[in-house]
Structures are given as C-alpha cells and as structure tokens.
All heavy atoms as atom14 arrays in JSON, in Angstrom:
{
  "sequence": "VECAAPEFDHACTPETGFCRAGTRFVPTKLVDVAGL",
  "atom14_mask": [
    [1, 1, 1, 1, 1, 1, 1, 0, 0, 0, 0, 0, 0, 0],
    [1, 1, 1, 1, 1, 1, 1, 1, 1, 0, 0, 0, 0, 0],
    [1, 1, 1, 1, 1, 1, 0, 0, 0, 0, 0, 0, 0, 0],
    [1, 1, 1, 1, 1, 0, 0, 0, 0, 0, 0, 0, 0, 0],
    [1, 1, 1, 1, 1, 0, 0, 0, 0, 0, 0, 0, 0, 0],
    [1, 1, 1, 1, 1, 1, 1, 0, 0, 0, 0, 0, 0, 0],
    [1, 1, 1, 1, 1, 1, 1, 1, 1, 0, 0, 0, 0, 0],
    [1, 1, 1, 1, 1, 1, 1, 1, 1, 1, 1, 0, 0, 0],
    [1, 1, 1, 1, 1, 1, 1, 1, 0, 0, 0, 0, 0, 0],
    [1, 1, 1, 1, 1, 1, 1, 1, 1, 1, 0, 0, 0, 0],
    [1, 1, 1, 1, 1, 0, 0, 0, 0, 0, 0, 0, 0, 0],
    [1, 1, 1, 1, 1, 1, 0, 0, 0, 0, 0, 0, 0, 0],
    [1, 1, 1, 1, 1, 1, 1, 0, 0, 0, 0, 0, 0, 0],
    [1, 1, 1, 1, 1, 1, 1, 0, 0, 0, 0, 0, 0, 0],
    [1, 1, 1, 1, 1, 1, 1, 1, 1, 0, 0, 0, 0, 0],
    [1, 1, 1, 1, 1, 1, 1, 0, 0, 0, 0, 0, 0, 0],
    [1, 1, 1, 1, 0, 0, 0, 0, 0, 0, 0, 0, 0, 0],
    [1, 1, 1, 1, 1, 1, 1, 1, 1, 1, 1, 0, 0, 0],
    [1, 1, 1, 1, 1, 1, 0, 0, 0, 0, 0, 0, 0, 0],
    [1, 1, 1, 1, 1, 1, 1, 1, 1, 1, 1, 0, 0, 0],
    [1, 1, 1, 1, 1, 0, 0, 0, 0, 0, 0, 0, 0, 0],
    [1, 1, 1, 1, 0, 0, 0, 0, 0, 0, 0, 0, 0, 0],
    [1, 1, 1, 1, 1, 1, 1, 0, 0, 0, 0, 0, 0, 0],
    [1, 1, 1, 1, 1, 1, 1, 1, 1, 1, 1, 0, 0, 0],
    [1, 1, 1, 1, 1, 1, 1, 1, 1, 1, 1, 0, 0, 0],
    [1, 1, 1, 1, 1, 1, 1, 0, 0, 0, 0, 0, 0, 0],
    [1, 1, 1, 1, 1, 1, 1, 0, 0, 0, 0, 0, 0, 0],
    [1, 1, 1, 1, 1, 1, 1, 0, 0, 0, 0, 0, 0, 0],
    [1, 1, 1, 1, 1, 1, 1, 1, 1, 0, 0, 0, 0, 0],
    [1, 1, 1, 1, 1, 1, 1, 1, 0, 0, 0, 0, 0, 0],
    [1, 1, 1, 1, 1, 1, 1, 0, 0, 0, 0, 0, 0, 0],
    [1, 1, 1, 1, 1, 1, 1, 1, 0, 0, 0, 0, 0, 0],
    [1, 1, 1, 1, 1, 1, 1, 0, 0, 0, 0, 0, 0, 0],
    [1, 1, 1, 1, 1, 0, 0, 0, 0, 0, 0, 0, 0, 0],
    [1, 1, 1, 1, 0, 0, 0, 0, 0, 0, 0, 0, 0, 0],
    [1, 1, 1, 1, 1, 1, 1, 1, 0, 0, 0, 0, 0, 0]
  ],
  "atom14_positions": [
    [[22.66, -2.81, -6.86], [23.34, -1.59, -6.41], [24.82, -1.92, -6.32], [25.19, -2.97, -5.77], [22.81, -1.14, -5.03], [23.57, 0.09, -4.55], [21.31, -0.85, -5.08], [0.0, 0.0, 0.0], [0.0, 0.0, 0.0], [0.0, 0.0, 0.0], [0.0, 0.0, 0.0], [0.0, 0.0, 0.0], [0.0, 0.0, 0.0], [0.0, 0.0, 0.0]],
    [[25.66, -1.05, -6.85], [27.09, -1.28, -6.72], [27.47, -1.27, -5.25], [27.17, -0.32, -4.52], [27.86, -0.19, -7.47], [29.37, -0.39, -7.44], [30.12, 0.75, -8.1], [29.48, 1.65, -8.68], [31.37, 0.76, -7.99], [0.0, 0.0, 0.0], [0.0, 0.0, 0.0], [0.0, 0.0, 0.0], [0.0, 0.0, 0.0], [0.0, 0.0, 0.0]],
    [[28.09, -2.35, -4.8], [28.42, -2.48, -3.38], [29.46, -1.43, -2.97], [30.43, -1.17, -3.69], [28.95, -3.87, -3.08], [29.18, -4.18, -1.31], [0.0, 0.0, 0.0], [0.0, 0.0, 0.0], [0.0, 0.0, 0.0], [0.0, 0.0, 0.0], [0.0, 0.0, 0.0], [0.0, 0.0, 0.0], [0.0, 0.0, 0.0], [0.0, 0.0, 0.0]],
    [[29.25, -0.83, -1.79], [30.17, 0.2, -1.3], [31.31, -0.38, -0.47], [32.29, 0.31, -0.19], [29.39, 1.22, -0.46], [0.0, 0.0, 0.0], [0.0, 0.0, 0.0], [0.0, 0.0, 0.0], [0.0, 0.0, 0.0], [0.0, 0.0, 0.0], [0.0, 0.0, 0.0], [0.0, 0.0, 0.0], [0.0, 0.0, 0.0], [0.0, 0.0, 0.0]],
    [[31.19, -1.64, -0.07], [32.18, -2.22, 0.84], [33.62, -2.17, 0.31], [34.54, -1.87, 1.07], [31.79, -3.65, 1.19], [0.0, 0.0, 0.0], [0.0, 0.0, 0.0], [0.0, 0.0, 0.0], [0.0, 0.0, 0.0], [0.0, 0.0, 0.0], [0.0, 0.0, 0.0], [0.0, 0.0, 0.0], [0.0, 0.0, 0.0], [0.0, 0.0, 0.0]],
    [[33.85, -2.46, -0.98], [35.24, -2.43, -1.45], [35.92, -1.07, -1.26], [37.15, -1.02, -1.14], [35.1, -2.76, -2.95], [33.85, -3.58, -3.04], [32.94, -2.97, -2.02], [0.0, 0.0, 0.0], [0.0, 0.0, 0.0], [0.0, 0.0, 0.0], [0.0, 0.0, 0.0], [0.0, 0.0, 0.0], [0.0, 0.0, 0.0], [0.0, 0.0, 0.0]],
    [[35.15, 0.01, -1.22], [35.74, 1.33, -1.01], [36.36, 1.45, 0.38], [37.17, 2.34, 0.64], [34.68, 2.42, -1.19], [34.06, 2.45, -2.58], [32.94, 3.46, -2.67], [33.12, 4.6, -2.17], [31.87, 3.13, -3.23], [0.0, 0.0, 0.0], [0.0, 0.0, 0.0], [0.0, 0.0, 0.0], [0.0, 0.0, 0.0], [0.0, 0.0, 0.0]],
    [[35.94, 0.55, 1.29], [36.46, 0.56, 2.67], [37.4, -0.61, 2.91], [37.71, -0.94, 4.06], [35.29, 0.53, 3.65], [34.39, 1.72, 3.57], [33.35, 1.78, 2.65], [34.58, 2.82, 4.41], [32.52, 2.89, 2.55], [33.75, 3.93, 4.32], [32.73, 3.98, 3.38], [0.0, 0.0, 0.0], [0.0, 0.0, 0.0], [0.0, 0.0, 0.0]],
    [[37.81, -1.27, 1.79], [38.77, -2.39, 1.86], [38.25, -3.55, 2.7], [39.02, -4.19, 3.43], [40.13, -1.91, 2.39], [40.77, -0.88, 1.48], [40.65, -1.03, 0.25], [41.37, 0.08, 2.01], [0.0, 0.0, 0.0], [0.0, 0.0, 0.0], [0.0, 0.0, 0.0], [0.0, 0.0, 0.0], [0.0, 0.0, 0.0], [0.0, 0.0, 0.0]],
    [[36.95, -3.79, 2.6], [36.35, -4.93, 3.3], [35.37, -5.63, 2.36], [34.88, -5.02, 1.39], [35.58, -4.48, 4.55], [36.46, -4.07, 5.69], [37.23, -4.96, 6.4], [36.7, -2.86, 6.25], [37.9, -4.32, 7.34], [37.59, -3.04, 7.28], [0.0, 0.0, 0.0], [0.0, 0.0, 0.0], [0.0, 0.0, 0.0], [0.0, 0.0, 0.0]],
    [[35.1, -6.88, 2.67], [34.03, -7.6, 1.99], [32.76, -7.43, 2.82], [32.81, -7.43, 4.06], [34.38, -9.07, 1.85], [0.0, 0.0, 0.0], [0.0, 0.0, 0.0], [0.0, 0.0, 0.0], [0.0, 0.0, 0.0], [0.0, 0.0, 0.0], [0.0, 0.0, 0.0], [0.0, 0.0, 0.0], [0.0, 0.0, 0.0], [0.0, 0.0, 0.0]],
    [[31.64, -7.25, 2.15], [30.39, -7.1, 2.9], [29.87, -8.46, 3.36], [30.23, -9.5, 2.8], [29.33, -6.39, 2.05], [28.78, -7.34, 0.62], [0.0, 0.0, 0.0], [0.0, 0.0, 0.0], [0.0, 0.0, 0.0], [0.0, 0.0, 0.0], [0.0, 0.0, 0.0], [0.0, 0.0, 0.0], [0.0, 0.0, 0.0], [0.0, 0.0, 0.0]],
    [[29.04, -8.43, 4.39], [28.41, -9.65, 4.91], [26.91, -9.39, 5.01], [26.38, -9.1, 6.09], [28.98, -10.02, 6.29], [28.95, -8.86, 7.13], [30.4, -10.52, 6.17], [0.0, 0.0, 0.0], [0.0, 0.0, 0.0], [0.0, 0.0, 0.0], [0.0, 0.0, 0.0], [0.0, 0.0, 0.0], [0.0, 0.0, 0.0], [0.0, 0.0, 0.0]],
    [[26.2, -9.48, 3.9], [24.78, -9.1, 3.87], [23.91, -10.0, 4.75], [24.08, -11.22, 4.78], [24.39, -9.26, 2.4], [25.68, -9.29, 1.65], [26.68, -9.9, 2.57], [0.0, 0.0, 0.0], [0.0, 0.0, 0.0], [0.0, 0.0, 0.0], [0.0, 0.0, 0.0], [0.0, 0.0, 0.0], [0.0, 0.0, 0.0], [0.0, 0.0, 0.0]],
    [[23.0, -9.35, 5.46], [21.97, -10.08, 6.19], [20.64, -10.05, 5.43], [19.75, -10.84, 5.69], [21.79, -9.51, 7.59], [22.99, -9.78, 8.49], [22.72, -9.39, 9.94], [21.67, -8.77, 10.21], [23.58, -9.7, 10.79], [0.0, 0.0, 0.0], [0.0, 0.0, 0.0], [0.0, 0.0, 0.0], [0.0, 0.0, 0.0], [0.0, 0.0, 0.0]],
    [[20.52, -9.1, 4.52], [19.36, -9.05, 3.63], [19.89, -9.0, 2.2], [20.85, -8.27, 1.92], [18.49, -7.81, 3.88], [19.3, -6.62, 3.77], [17.86, -7.85, 5.26], [0.0, 0.0, 0.0], [0.0, 0.0, 0.0], [0.0, 0.0, 0.0], [0.0, 0.0, 0.0], [0.0, 0.0, 0.0], [0.0, 0.0, 0.0], [0.0, 0.0, 0.0]],
    [[19.29, -9.78, 1.32], [19.8, -9.85, -0.03], [21.13, -10.58, -0.07], [21.47, -11.37, 0.82], [0.0, 0.0, 0.0], [0.0, 0.0, 0.0], [0.0, 0.0, 0.0], [0.0, 0.0, 0.0], [0.0, 0.0, 0.0], [0.0, 0.0, 0.0], [0.0, 0.0, 0.0], [0.0, 0.0, 0.0], [0.0, 0.0, 0.0], [0.0, 0.0, 0.0]],
    [[21.92, -10.3, -1.1], [23.22, -10.95, -1.24], [24.11, -10.08, -2.12], [23.66, -9.1, -2.73], [23.08, -12.35, -1.84], [22.43, -12.39, -3.2], [23.2, -12.44, -4.36], [21.04, -12.4, -3.34], [22.62, -12.48, -5.61], [20.45, -12.45, -4.59], [21.24, -12.49, -5.74], [0.0, 0.0, 0.0], [0.0, 0.0, 0.0], [0.0, 0.0, 0.0]],
    [[25.39, -10.42, -2.13], [26.35, -9.68, -2.94], [27.09, -10.68, -3.82], [27.49, -11.75, -3.35], [27.33, -8.92, -2.05], [28.32, -7.68, -2.94], [0.0, 0.0, 0.0], [0.0, 0.0, 0.0], [0.0, 0.0, 0.0], [0.0, 0.0, 0.0], [0.0, 0.0, 0.0], [0.0, 0.0, 0.0], [0.0, 0.0, 0.0], [0.0, 0.0, 0.0]],
    [[27.24, -10.31, -5.09], [27.93, -11.2, -6.01], [28.83, -10.38, -6.92], [28.35, -9.53, -7.66], [26.91, -12.0, -6.83], [27.52, -13.11, -7.67], [26.46, -14.02, -8.22], [27.05, -15.05, -9.07], [26.35, -15.99, -9.7], [25.03, -16.04, -9.57], [26.96, -16.87, -10.47], [0.0, 0.0, 0.0], [0.0, 0.0, 0.0], [0.0, 0.0, 0.0]],
    [[30.13, -10.65, -6.83], [31.13, -9.99, -7.67], [30.98, -8.48, -7.65], [31.02, -7.82, -8.69], [31.04, -10.52, -9.1], [0.0, 0.0, 0.0], [0.0, 0.0, 0.0], [0.0, 0.0, 0.0], [0.0, 0.0, 0.0], [0.0, 0.0, 0.0], [0.0, 0.0, 0.0], [0.0, 0.0, 0.0], [0.0, 0.0, 0.0], [0.0, 0.0, 0.0]],
    [[30.81, -7.91, -6.45], [30.77, -6.47, -6.3], [29.42, -5.82, -6.55], [29.32, -4.59, -6.5], [0.0, 0.0, 0.0], [0.0, 0.0, 0.0], [0.0, 0.0, 0.0], [0.0, 0.0, 0.0], [0.0, 0.0, 0.0], [0.0, 0.0, 0.0], [0.0, 0.0, 0.0], [0.0, 0.0, 0.0], [0.0, 0.0, 0.0], [0.0, 0.0, 0.0]],
    [[28.42, -6.63, -6.83], [27.07, -6.1, -7.02], [26.17, -6.56, -5.89], [26.06, -7.77, -5.64], [26.48, -6.55, -8.37], [27.26, -6.01, -9.43], [25.05, -6.07, -8.53], [0.0, 0.0, 0.0], [0.0, 0.0, 0.0], [0.0, 0.0, 0.0], [0.0, 0.0, 0.0], [0.0, 0.0, 0.0], [0.0, 0.0, 0.0], [0.0, 0.0, 0.0]],
    [[25.58, -5.61, -5.21], [24.67, -5.91, -4.1], [23.27, -6.09, -4.67], [22.77, -5.25, -5.43], [24.68, -4.76, -3.1], [24.01, -5.04, -1.77], [24.85, -5.96, -0.9], [24.27, -6.05, 0.42], [24.84, -5.55, 1.53], [25.99, -4.93, 1.45], [24.25, -5.67, 2.7], [0.0, 0.0, 0.0], [0.0, 0.0, 0.0], [0.0, 0.0, 0.0]],
    [[22.61, -7.19, -4.34], [21.24, -7.45, -4.76], [20.33, -7.17, -3.56], [20.33, -7.91, -2.57], [21.1, -8.9, -5.25], [21.72, -9.12, -6.6], [23.1, -9.31, -6.72], [20.95, -9.12, -7.76], [23.69, -9.5, -7.97], [21.52, -9.31, -9.01], [22.9, -9.51, -9.11], [0.0, 0.0, 0.0], [0.0, 0.0, 0.0], [0.0, 0.0, 0.0]],
    [[19.6, -6.07, -3.66], [18.82, -5.55, -2.54], [17.36, -5.99, -2.7], [16.76, -5.8, -3.77], [18.9, -4.01, -2.49], [18.12, -3.47, -1.29], [20.36, -3.56, -2.42], [0.0, 0.0, 0.0], [0.0, 0.0, 0.0], [0.0, 0.0, 0.0], [0.0, 0.0, 0.0], [0.0, 0.0, 0.0], [0.0, 0.0, 0.0], [0.0, 0.0, 0.0]],
    [[16.75, -6.58, -1.66], [15.39, -7.12, -1.81], [14.34, -6.04, -2.01], [14.43, -4.93, -1.48], [15.14, -7.83, -0.46], [16.47, -7.96, 0.18], [17.3, -6.85, -0.33], [0.0, 0.0, 0.0], [0.0, 0.0, 0.0], [0.0, 0.0, 0.0], [0.0, 0.0, 0.0], [0.0, 0.0, 0.0], [0.0, 0.0, 0.0], [0.0, 0.0, 0.0]],
    [[13.34, -6.38, -2.81], [12.14, -5.56, -2.96], [10.97, -6.51, -3.16], [11.16, -7.66, -3.57], [12.27, -4.57, -4.13], [11.16, -3.68, -4.13], [12.32, -5.3, -5.46], [0.0, 0.0, 0.0], [0.0, 0.0, 0.0], [0.0, 0.0, 0.0], [0.0, 0.0, 0.0], [0.0, 0.0, 0.0], [0.0, 0.0, 0.0], [0.0, 0.0, 0.0]],
    [[9.77, -6.06, -2.86], [8.58, -6.9, -3.02], [8.06, -6.81, -4.45], [7.92, -5.72, -5.0], [7.48, -6.48, -2.04], [7.84, -6.63, -0.57], [8.04, -8.07, -0.19], [8.33, -8.21, 1.31], [8.64, -9.6, 1.68], [0.0, 0.0, 0.0], [0.0, 0.0, 0.0], [0.0, 0.0, 0.0], [0.0, 0.0, 0.0], [0.0, 0.0, 0.0]],
    [[7.77, -7.97, -5.03], [7.17, -8.02, -6.36], [5.82, -8.7, -6.23], [5.71, -9.82, -5.71], [8.07, -8.8, -7.32], [7.62, -8.83, -8.78], [7.59, -7.43, -9.38], [8.54, -9.73, -9.61], [0.0, 0.0, 0.0], [0.0, 0.0, 0.0], [0.0, 0.0, 0.0], [0.0, 0.0, 0.0], [0.0, 0.0, 0.0], [0.0, 0.0, 0.0]],
    [[4.77, -8.01, -6.69], [3.4, -8.49, -6.54], [2.85, -8.84, -7.92], [2.73, -7.97, -8.79], [2.49, -7.42, -5.88], [1.09, -7.98, -5.68], [3.09, -6.96, -4.56], [0.0, 0.0, 0.0], [0.0, 0.0, 0.0], [0.0, 0.0, 0.0], [0.0, 0.0, 0.0], [0.0, 0.0, 0.0], [0.0, 0.0, 0.0], [0.0, 0.0, 0.0]],
    [[2.53, -10.1, -8.12], [1.93, -10.57, -9.37], [0.42, -10.37, -9.25], [-0.28, -11.15, -8.62], [2.28, -12.04, -9.57], [1.82, -12.57, -10.92], [1.29, -11.79, -11.72], [1.99, -13.79, -11.17], [0.0, 0.0, 0.0], [0.0, 0.0, 0.0], [0.0, 0.0, 0.0], [0.0, 0.0, 0.0], [0.0, 0.0, 0.0], [0.0, 0.0, 0.0]],
    [[-0.08, -9.27, -9.85], [-1.48, -8.88, -9.68], [-2.34, -9.54, -10.75], [-2.07, -9.41, -11.94], [-1.63, -7.35, -9.74], [-3.08, -6.95, -9.51], [-0.72, -6.68, -8.72], [0.0, 0.0, 0.0], [0.0, 0.0, 0.0], [0.0, 0.0, 0.0], [0.0, 0.0, 0.0], [0.0, 0.0, 0.0], [0.0, 0.0, 0.0], [0.0, 0.0, 0.0]],
    [[-3.39, -10.23, -10.32], [-4.26, -10.96, -11.24], [-5.5, -10.16, -11.59], [-5.93, -9.3, -10.84], [-4.69, -12.28, -10.59], [0.0, 0.0, 0.0], [0.0, 0.0, 0.0], [0.0, 0.0, 0.0], [0.0, 0.0, 0.0], [0.0, 0.0, 0.0], [0.0, 0.0, 0.0], [0.0, 0.0, 0.0], [0.0, 0.0, 0.0], [0.0, 0.0, 0.0]],
    [[-6.06, -10.46, -12.76], [-7.41, -9.97, -13.06], [-7.53, -8.89, -14.09], [-8.59, -8.27, -14.21], [0.0, 0.0, 0.0], [0.0, 0.0, 0.0], [0.0, 0.0, 0.0], [0.0, 0.0, 0.0], [0.0, 0.0, 0.0], [0.0, 0.0, 0.0], [0.0, 0.0, 0.0], [0.0, 0.0, 0.0], [0.0, 0.0, 0.0], [0.0, 0.0, 0.0]],
    [[-6.48, -8.63, -14.87], [-6.56, -7.58, -15.88], [-7.25, -8.1, -17.13], [-6.69, -8.9, -17.88], [-5.17, -7.06, -16.24], [-5.12, -6.01, -17.36], [-5.94, -4.78, -16.99], [-3.7, -5.63, -17.69], [0.0, 0.0, 0.0], [0.0, 0.0, 0.0], [0.0, 0.0, 0.0], [0.0, 0.0, 0.0], [0.0, 0.0, 0.0], [0.0, 0.0, 0.0]]
  ]
}
C-alpha cells in the first residue's frame, strides 16, 4: 500500500508490517492448504 505518511511530512513508524521506500507492507495471513 502506498504509505500515507509522506503526505503529512513525517516518516511512519510501523508496529505491524514494515515500510520501505514509501511502500507500506501490510500483513495478511497466507494458508498453504494441502490435499488437492
């Protein structure tokens, strides 16, 4: 997700996920489902 923090002239300080070069990496669950 494009980080919104630069629009407010601040750097973000993520507690979930991380931010790299203006791109926010937001966590989601990925389930590797077996048995197909």
